[in-house]
Protein backbone atom coordinates (compact mmCIF):
# COMPACT_ATOMS: atom_id res chain seq x y z
CA UNK A 1 -0.70 78.83 59.99
CA UNK A 2 2.21 81.29 59.90
CA UNK A 3 5.80 80.02 60.00
CA UNK A 4 9.39 81.11 59.41
CA UNK A 5 10.79 79.08 56.51
CA UNK A 6 14.44 78.60 55.55
CA UNK A 7 14.53 78.39 51.75
CA UNK A 8 18.28 78.90 51.22
CA UNK A 9 21.16 78.20 53.61
CA UNK A 10 22.71 81.32 55.08
CA UNK A 11 19.82 83.55 53.99
CA UNK A 12 17.04 85.23 56.00
CA UNK A 13 13.92 83.24 56.80
CA UNK A 14 10.70 83.86 54.88
CA UNK A 15 7.53 84.42 56.88
CA UNK A 16 4.68 82.64 55.12
CA UNK A 17 1.52 80.63 55.55
CA UNK A 18 1.97 76.85 55.56
CA UNK A 19 -0.27 73.81 55.97
CA UNK A 20 0.03 71.42 58.89
CA UNK A 21 -1.34 67.89 58.49
CA UNK A 22 -3.31 66.38 61.39
CA UNK A 23 -1.38 64.19 63.82
CA UNK A 24 -0.85 60.58 62.79
CA UNK A 25 -0.86 57.61 65.13
CA UNK A 26 1.34 58.30 68.14
CA UNK A 27 1.57 62.05 67.43
CA UNK A 28 0.11 65.17 69.02
CA UNK A 29 -0.51 68.68 67.72
CA UNK A 30 0.62 71.58 69.90
CA UNK A 31 -0.34 75.25 69.61
CA UNK A 32 2.91 76.94 70.53
CA UNK A 33 3.23 79.75 73.05
CA UNK A 34 7.01 80.11 72.77
CA UNK A 35 10.07 78.72 71.03
CA UNK A 36 13.59 79.65 72.16
CA UNK A 37 16.43 80.06 69.66
CA UNK A 38 19.35 77.65 69.96
CA UNK A 39 22.69 77.85 68.14
CA UNK A 40 21.78 74.50 66.59
CA UNK A 41 19.00 76.31 64.72
CA UNK A 42 21.62 78.71 63.36
CA UNK A 43 23.94 75.84 62.40
CA UNK A 44 21.18 74.12 60.44
CA UNK A 45 20.05 77.37 58.83
CA UNK A 46 23.65 77.99 57.74
CA UNK A 47 23.90 74.52 56.19
CA UNK A 48 26.63 73.28 58.54
CA UNK A 49 24.86 69.95 59.07
CA UNK A 50 23.12 69.76 55.71
CA UNK A 51 19.50 68.70 55.45
CA UNK A 52 16.71 69.22 52.93
CA UNK A 53 15.17 72.60 52.15
CA UNK A 54 12.77 74.31 52.50
CA UNK A 55 12.70 73.73 56.25
CA UNK A 56 11.16 75.09 59.42
CA UNK A 57 13.59 74.99 62.33
CA UNK A 58 13.11 75.70 66.04
CA UNK A 59 13.17 72.96 68.68
CA UNK A 60 12.95 74.55 72.18
CA UNK A 61 9.20 74.95 72.45
CA UNK A 62 6.23 74.90 74.79
CA UNK A 63 2.51 75.19 74.23
CA UNK A 64 -0.91 73.56 74.55
CA UNK A 65 -2.14 70.28 73.06
CA UNK A 66 -4.87 70.85 70.48
CA UNK A 67 -5.21 67.45 68.76
CA UNK A 68 -4.26 63.81 69.33
CA UNK A 69 -3.36 61.02 66.93
CA UNK A 70 -4.58 57.47 67.37
CA UNK A 71 -3.13 55.56 70.30
CA UNK A 72 -2.06 58.59 72.36
CA UNK A 73 -3.33 58.09 75.89
CA UNK A 74 -0.90 60.05 78.09
CA UNK A 75 -1.95 63.50 76.83
CA UNK A 76 -5.27 65.27 76.40
CA UNK A 77 -6.44 68.42 74.66
CA UNK A 78 -5.60 71.43 76.79
CA UNK A 79 -2.54 69.93 78.44
CA UNK A 80 0.37 72.35 78.72
CA UNK A 81 3.47 70.61 77.35
CA UNK A 82 7.18 71.02 76.75
CA UNK A 83 8.19 70.09 73.18
CA UNK A 84 11.69 68.70 72.58
CA UNK A 85 13.61 67.02 69.78
CA UNK A 86 14.13 63.86 71.88
CA UNK A 87 12.12 61.34 69.88
CA UNK A 88 12.30 57.80 71.23
CA UNK A 89 10.55 54.50 70.57
CA UNK A 90 10.61 53.35 74.20
CA UNK A 91 11.37 49.70 73.42
CA UNK A 92 14.81 49.44 71.74
CA UNK A 93 17.86 48.47 73.87
CA UNK A 94 18.92 52.12 74.23
CA UNK A 95 15.49 53.28 75.41
CA UNK A 96 15.07 50.29 77.71
CA UNK A 97 18.51 51.06 79.14
CA UNK A 98 17.47 54.58 80.11
CA UNK A 99 19.16 56.27 77.12
CA UNK A 100 16.30 57.67 74.99
CA UNK A 101 18.61 60.28 73.41
CA UNK A 102 20.44 57.31 71.81
CA UNK A 103 17.27 55.62 70.51
CA UNK A 104 18.21 53.00 67.92
CA UNK A 105 15.54 54.13 65.45
CA UNK A 106 16.12 56.85 62.86
CA UNK A 107 13.19 59.22 63.21
CA UNK A 108 14.41 61.74 60.65
CA UNK A 109 12.91 59.55 57.93
CA UNK A 110 9.36 60.09 59.21
CA UNK A 111 7.08 61.99 56.83
CA UNK A 112 6.85 65.71 57.46
CA UNK A 113 3.42 67.14 58.33
CA UNK A 114 4.40 70.51 56.82
CA UNK A 115 3.71 71.70 53.28
CA UNK A 116 2.79 74.66 51.13
CA UNK A 117 1.58 75.05 47.56
CA UNK A 118 5.04 74.03 46.27
CA UNK A 119 5.27 70.77 48.21
CA UNK A 120 6.66 69.36 51.42
CA UNK A 121 8.56 71.44 53.99
CA UNK A 122 11.11 69.72 56.24
CA UNK A 123 10.25 69.58 59.93
CA UNK A 124 13.61 70.69 61.31
CA UNK A 125 14.92 68.48 64.15
CA UNK A 126 11.53 66.73 64.18
CA UNK A 127 9.86 69.81 65.70
CA UNK A 128 9.52 72.80 63.35
CA UNK A 129 8.95 75.17 66.25
CA UNK A 130 9.31 78.48 64.41
CA UNK A 131 5.62 78.24 63.59
CA UNK A 132 2.32 78.82 65.33
CA UNK A 133 1.71 75.07 65.77
CA UNK A 134 3.64 71.84 65.38
CA UNK A 135 2.92 68.12 65.12
CA UNK A 136 5.38 65.88 66.95
CA UNK A 137 5.68 62.36 68.28
CA UNK A 138 4.18 62.10 71.75
CA UNK A 139 7.53 60.85 73.09
CA UNK A 140 8.96 64.33 72.46
CA UNK A 141 6.67 65.98 74.99
CA UNK A 142 6.22 66.11 78.74
CA UNK A 143 3.37 67.73 80.67
CA UNK A 144 4.02 71.03 82.43
CA UNK A 145 2.42 72.29 85.65
CA UNK A 146 0.35 75.46 85.66
CA UNK A 147 2.80 77.43 87.82
CA UNK A 148 5.54 77.87 85.21
CA UNK A 149 5.20 80.34 82.33
CA UNK A 150 5.42 78.68 78.93
CA UNK A 151 8.08 81.04 77.59
CA UNK A 152 10.26 80.25 80.60
CA UNK A 153 9.48 76.53 80.33
CA UNK A 154 10.59 76.45 76.67
CA UNK A 155 14.20 76.85 77.84
CA UNK A 156 14.00 73.40 79.43
CA UNK A 157 13.58 71.79 76.01
CA UNK A 158 17.26 71.94 75.03
CA UNK A 159 19.73 74.41 76.52
CA UNK A 160 18.97 73.67 80.16
CA UNK A 161 18.75 69.88 79.89
CA UNK A 162 21.81 69.75 77.63
CA UNK A 163 23.99 71.66 80.11
CA UNK A 164 22.71 70.28 83.39
CA UNK A 165 22.29 66.78 81.97
CA UNK A 166 25.92 66.74 80.86
CA UNK A 167 26.91 67.15 84.51
CA UNK A 168 24.29 64.94 86.16
CA UNK A 169 23.65 62.20 83.61
CA UNK A 170 26.77 62.00 81.45
CA UNK A 171 29.59 62.90 83.83
CA UNK A 172 27.75 61.75 86.96
CA UNK A 173 29.88 64.34 88.68
CA UNK A 174 30.87 63.69 92.29
CA UNK A 175 30.57 66.46 94.89
CA UNK A 176 33.87 68.19 95.53
CA UNK A 177 35.07 67.84 91.94
CA UNK A 178 36.98 70.55 90.11
CA UNK A 179 35.30 71.54 86.87
CA UNK A 180 36.11 73.63 83.81
CA UNK A 181 33.32 74.83 81.51
CA UNK A 182 34.58 76.04 78.15
CA UNK A 183 32.05 78.46 76.70
CA UNK A 184 29.71 80.61 78.80
CA UNK A 185 26.82 80.87 76.36
CA UNK A 186 23.36 79.47 77.07
CA UNK A 187 24.44 75.82 77.35
CA UNK A 188 27.61 76.77 79.23
CA UNK A 189 25.67 78.74 81.84
CA UNK A 190 23.45 75.74 82.42
CA UNK A 191 26.46 73.46 82.71
CA UNK A 192 27.79 75.85 85.35
CA UNK A 193 24.42 75.70 87.12
CA UNK A 194 24.51 71.92 87.01
CA UNK A 195 28.00 71.78 88.51
CA UNK A 196 26.95 74.15 91.31
CA UNK A 197 23.81 72.13 92.06
CA UNK A 198 25.90 68.95 92.25
CA UNK A 199 28.40 70.45 94.68
CA UNK A 200 31.52 71.11 92.63
CA UNK A 201 34.42 72.59 94.59
CA UNK A 202 35.82 74.71 91.77
CA UNK A 203 33.81 75.78 88.72
CA UNK A 204 36.16 77.51 86.29
CA UNK A 205 34.46 79.22 83.36
CA UNK A 206 36.41 79.97 80.18
CA UNK A 207 35.29 82.21 77.33
CA UNK A 208 36.71 84.69 74.84
CA UNK A 209 34.12 87.30 75.88
CA UNK A 210 34.66 89.11 79.23
CA UNK A 211 30.94 89.93 79.50
CA UNK A 212 30.06 86.24 79.33
CA UNK A 213 32.50 85.54 82.13
CA UNK A 214 30.62 88.05 84.29
CA UNK A 215 27.43 86.14 83.55
CA UNK A 216 29.18 82.89 84.45
CA UNK A 217 29.81 84.27 87.93
CA UNK A 218 26.09 84.99 88.30
CA UNK A 219 25.29 81.36 87.50
CA UNK A 220 27.77 79.83 89.93
CA UNK A 221 31.31 79.98 88.51
CA UNK A 222 33.90 80.28 91.27
CA UNK A 223 36.67 81.41 88.91
CA UNK A 224 36.95 82.69 85.34
CA UNK A 225 39.65 82.66 82.69
CA UNK A 226 39.70 84.71 79.51
CA UNK A 227 40.49 82.08 76.88
CA UNK A 228 42.55 84.48 74.80
CA UNK A 229 45.16 84.85 77.57
CA UNK A 230 48.40 82.88 77.52
CA UNK A 231 48.97 79.40 78.91
CA UNK A 232 45.44 78.50 79.97
CA UNK A 233 46.48 75.00 81.18
CA UNK A 234 48.93 76.60 83.62
CA UNK A 235 46.20 78.90 84.91
CA UNK A 236 43.93 75.88 85.41
CA UNK A 237 46.62 74.03 87.33
CA UNK A 238 47.26 77.09 89.50
CA UNK A 239 43.60 77.04 90.54
CA UNK A 240 43.57 73.28 91.25
CA UNK A 241 46.71 72.70 93.32
CA UNK A 242 48.63 71.70 90.22
CA UNK A 243 46.32 68.82 89.24
CA UNK A 244 44.02 70.08 86.52
CA UNK A 245 40.25 69.54 86.50
CA UNK A 246 38.29 66.37 87.08
CA UNK A 247 35.80 67.30 84.36
CA UNK A 248 36.13 69.67 81.41
CA UNK A 249 32.83 70.42 79.67
CA UNK A 250 33.19 71.72 76.10
CA UNK A 251 29.97 73.58 75.35
CA UNK A 252 31.07 75.25 72.09
CA UNK A 253 31.30 73.68 68.64
CA UNK A 254 34.86 74.75 67.86
CA UNK A 255 37.21 71.91 66.80
CA UNK A 256 40.32 73.66 68.15
CA UNK A 257 38.75 73.72 71.62
CA UNK A 258 38.08 69.98 71.52
CA UNK A 259 41.69 69.54 70.43
CA UNK A 260 43.21 71.47 73.34
CA UNK A 261 40.85 70.61 76.21
CA UNK A 262 42.52 67.31 77.29
CA UNK A 263 45.49 69.45 78.39
CA UNK A 264 43.28 70.80 81.18
CA UNK A 265 42.49 67.40 82.72
CA UNK A 266 43.83 65.86 85.89
CA UNK A 267 44.74 62.18 86.02
CA UNK A 268 41.49 60.24 85.78
CA UNK A 269 39.70 63.30 84.41
CA UNK A 270 37.08 63.35 81.67
CA UNK A 271 36.36 65.68 78.78
CA UNK A 272 32.60 65.87 78.23
CA UNK A 273 31.71 66.76 74.63
CA UNK A 274 28.57 68.87 74.87
CA UNK A 275 28.89 71.28 71.92
CA UNK A 276 28.41 70.09 68.35
CA UNK A 277 30.99 70.74 65.64
CA UNK A 278 30.28 70.68 61.93
CA UNK A 279 29.76 67.27 60.32
CA UNK A 280 33.09 67.39 58.48
CA UNK A 281 35.20 68.69 61.38
CA UNK A 282 37.97 66.48 62.76
CA UNK A 283 40.43 66.61 65.65
CA UNK A 284 43.32 64.31 66.61
CA UNK A 285 44.61 62.99 69.92
CA UNK A 286 47.55 60.92 71.07
CA UNK A 287 45.84 57.85 72.54
CA UNK A 288 48.79 57.05 74.78
CA UNK A 289 48.28 60.30 76.69
CA UNK A 290 44.61 59.54 77.33
CA UNK A 291 45.13 55.90 78.28
CA UNK A 292 48.21 56.40 80.44
CA UNK A 293 46.43 59.05 82.49
CA UNK A 294 43.20 57.01 82.83
CA UNK A 295 41.27 59.83 81.19
CA UNK A 296 37.98 59.66 79.30
CA UNK A 297 36.26 61.33 76.36
CA UNK A 298 32.49 61.35 76.90
CA UNK A 299 29.82 62.25 74.36
CA UNK A 300 26.72 63.97 75.71
CA UNK A 301 23.78 64.37 73.36
CA UNK A 302 21.00 66.45 74.89
CA UNK A 303 22.46 65.75 78.33
CA UNK A 304 21.34 62.09 78.04
CA UNK A 305 18.03 63.37 79.34
CA UNK A 306 15.07 61.21 80.31
CA UNK A 307 12.19 63.66 79.97
CA UNK A 308 9.74 62.08 82.43
CA UNK A 309 12.45 61.90 85.10
CA UNK A 310 14.49 65.06 84.58
CA UNK A 311 11.94 67.76 83.71
CA UNK A 312 9.88 67.45 86.94
CA UNK A 313 13.13 67.54 88.95
CA UNK A 314 14.31 70.68 87.19
CA UNK A 315 10.95 72.38 87.69
CA UNK A 316 11.18 71.59 91.40
CA UNK A 317 14.65 73.19 91.51
CA UNK A 318 13.21 76.25 89.75
CA UNK A 319 10.40 76.50 92.30
CA UNK A 320 12.96 76.32 95.10
CA UNK A 321 14.99 79.15 93.58
CA UNK A 322 17.96 76.83 92.95
CA UNK A 323 17.68 76.87 89.14
CA UNK A 324 17.84 80.12 87.17
CA UNK A 325 15.50 80.16 84.18
CA UNK A 326 14.04 83.68 83.98
CA UNK A 327 17.57 85.07 84.08
CA UNK A 328 18.44 83.11 80.92
CA UNK A 329 15.97 85.03 78.74
CA UNK A 330 17.66 88.01 77.12
CA UNK A 331 14.74 89.21 75.02
CA UNK A 332 11.35 88.12 73.74
CA UNK A 333 10.60 88.54 70.02
CA UNK A 334 7.58 88.03 67.76
CA UNK A 335 7.71 85.51 64.90
CA UNK A 336 7.85 88.42 62.44
CA UNK A 337 11.13 89.43 64.11
CA UNK A 338 12.74 86.00 63.66
CA UNK A 339 15.57 87.25 61.45
CA UNK A 340 16.52 90.03 63.86
CA UNK A 341 16.38 87.55 66.76
CA UNK A 342 18.56 85.06 64.86
CA UNK A 343 21.09 87.79 64.03
CA UNK A 344 21.22 88.86 67.67
CA UNK A 345 21.81 85.25 68.74
CA UNK A 346 24.42 84.72 66.03
CA UNK A 347 26.29 87.80 67.23
CA UNK A 348 26.61 86.31 70.71
CA UNK A 349 24.56 89.00 72.43
CA UNK A 350 21.97 86.69 73.97
CA UNK A 351 21.84 84.05 76.66
CA UNK A 352 18.59 82.93 75.08
CA UNK A 353 16.26 84.79 72.73
CA UNK A 354 12.68 83.52 72.76
CA UNK A 355 10.06 83.75 70.03
CA UNK A 356 6.63 84.26 71.62
CA UNK A 357 3.30 83.71 69.85
CA UNK A 358 -0.02 85.43 70.44
């Protein structure tokens, strides 16, 4: 099959033929129809989080089941499925407690099904979606109905669930809350959507790009602030009767933003850490400020999503016209255009670029 391979960090992908081993016990093989590009793919391809090379990245995918490993009973050939990086065992304390994104088992050590004549190829983020097919653990997939296009559905695999899940599952936001969303990229727009769906009173979007703030308004922001302007905390307080926000969602991976965001919080407020910084990045806080104001710092990996619960709900919202998905797609690209699509995403031009397969 054809795939886009990262052979050197920070360099263009190579389009080449690779071999894909049949699914092992508990796995399924999926012929992909689409795979959206996430900034996490760019971070890995740039070497920010390390990892072994060569590698095939891509983790926001959708397609059709073509083969089943032993013991898989909840899927059949021909099923349309969403493919995510959320790989869970289903029986550890985290999974049993409804937190599959915190599964106690380390799945990255599983053997890769990908190889070429030179040897093994890493399956990036346990998916390897920048390829015509992938083999993944069955826990990473959820069935899709026939009335949603697969390229549109692929967006649900990461960006949508990460943003909306941060509001619904991590923050458990109460209606009437005041919210700030820092970063109006793909994940930020979905965080804004989530806050609107949950009945936030004020949804204040912050970004350094005025065009992205216009998009934030389309997705439900009530107010916008250009982050490069002076005294952002004072502007936030002016919009919230002097209090600050109940929840501040950081959807970018910039350490300085994580450092400054607690200044936006009201008493009892929470900063929800949605974006991912580099592995070596650090920030510092004065604990007395957090504790004396009864504030919280909340981590939110993949929106703490439970696939079997959250994906059907989101599809229902989409059917009702309450969830924007089509509007998130900036452009569709072929696999041969992967490097141009990655460059466009890296430049900040896209809400979501999607690789589509014949």
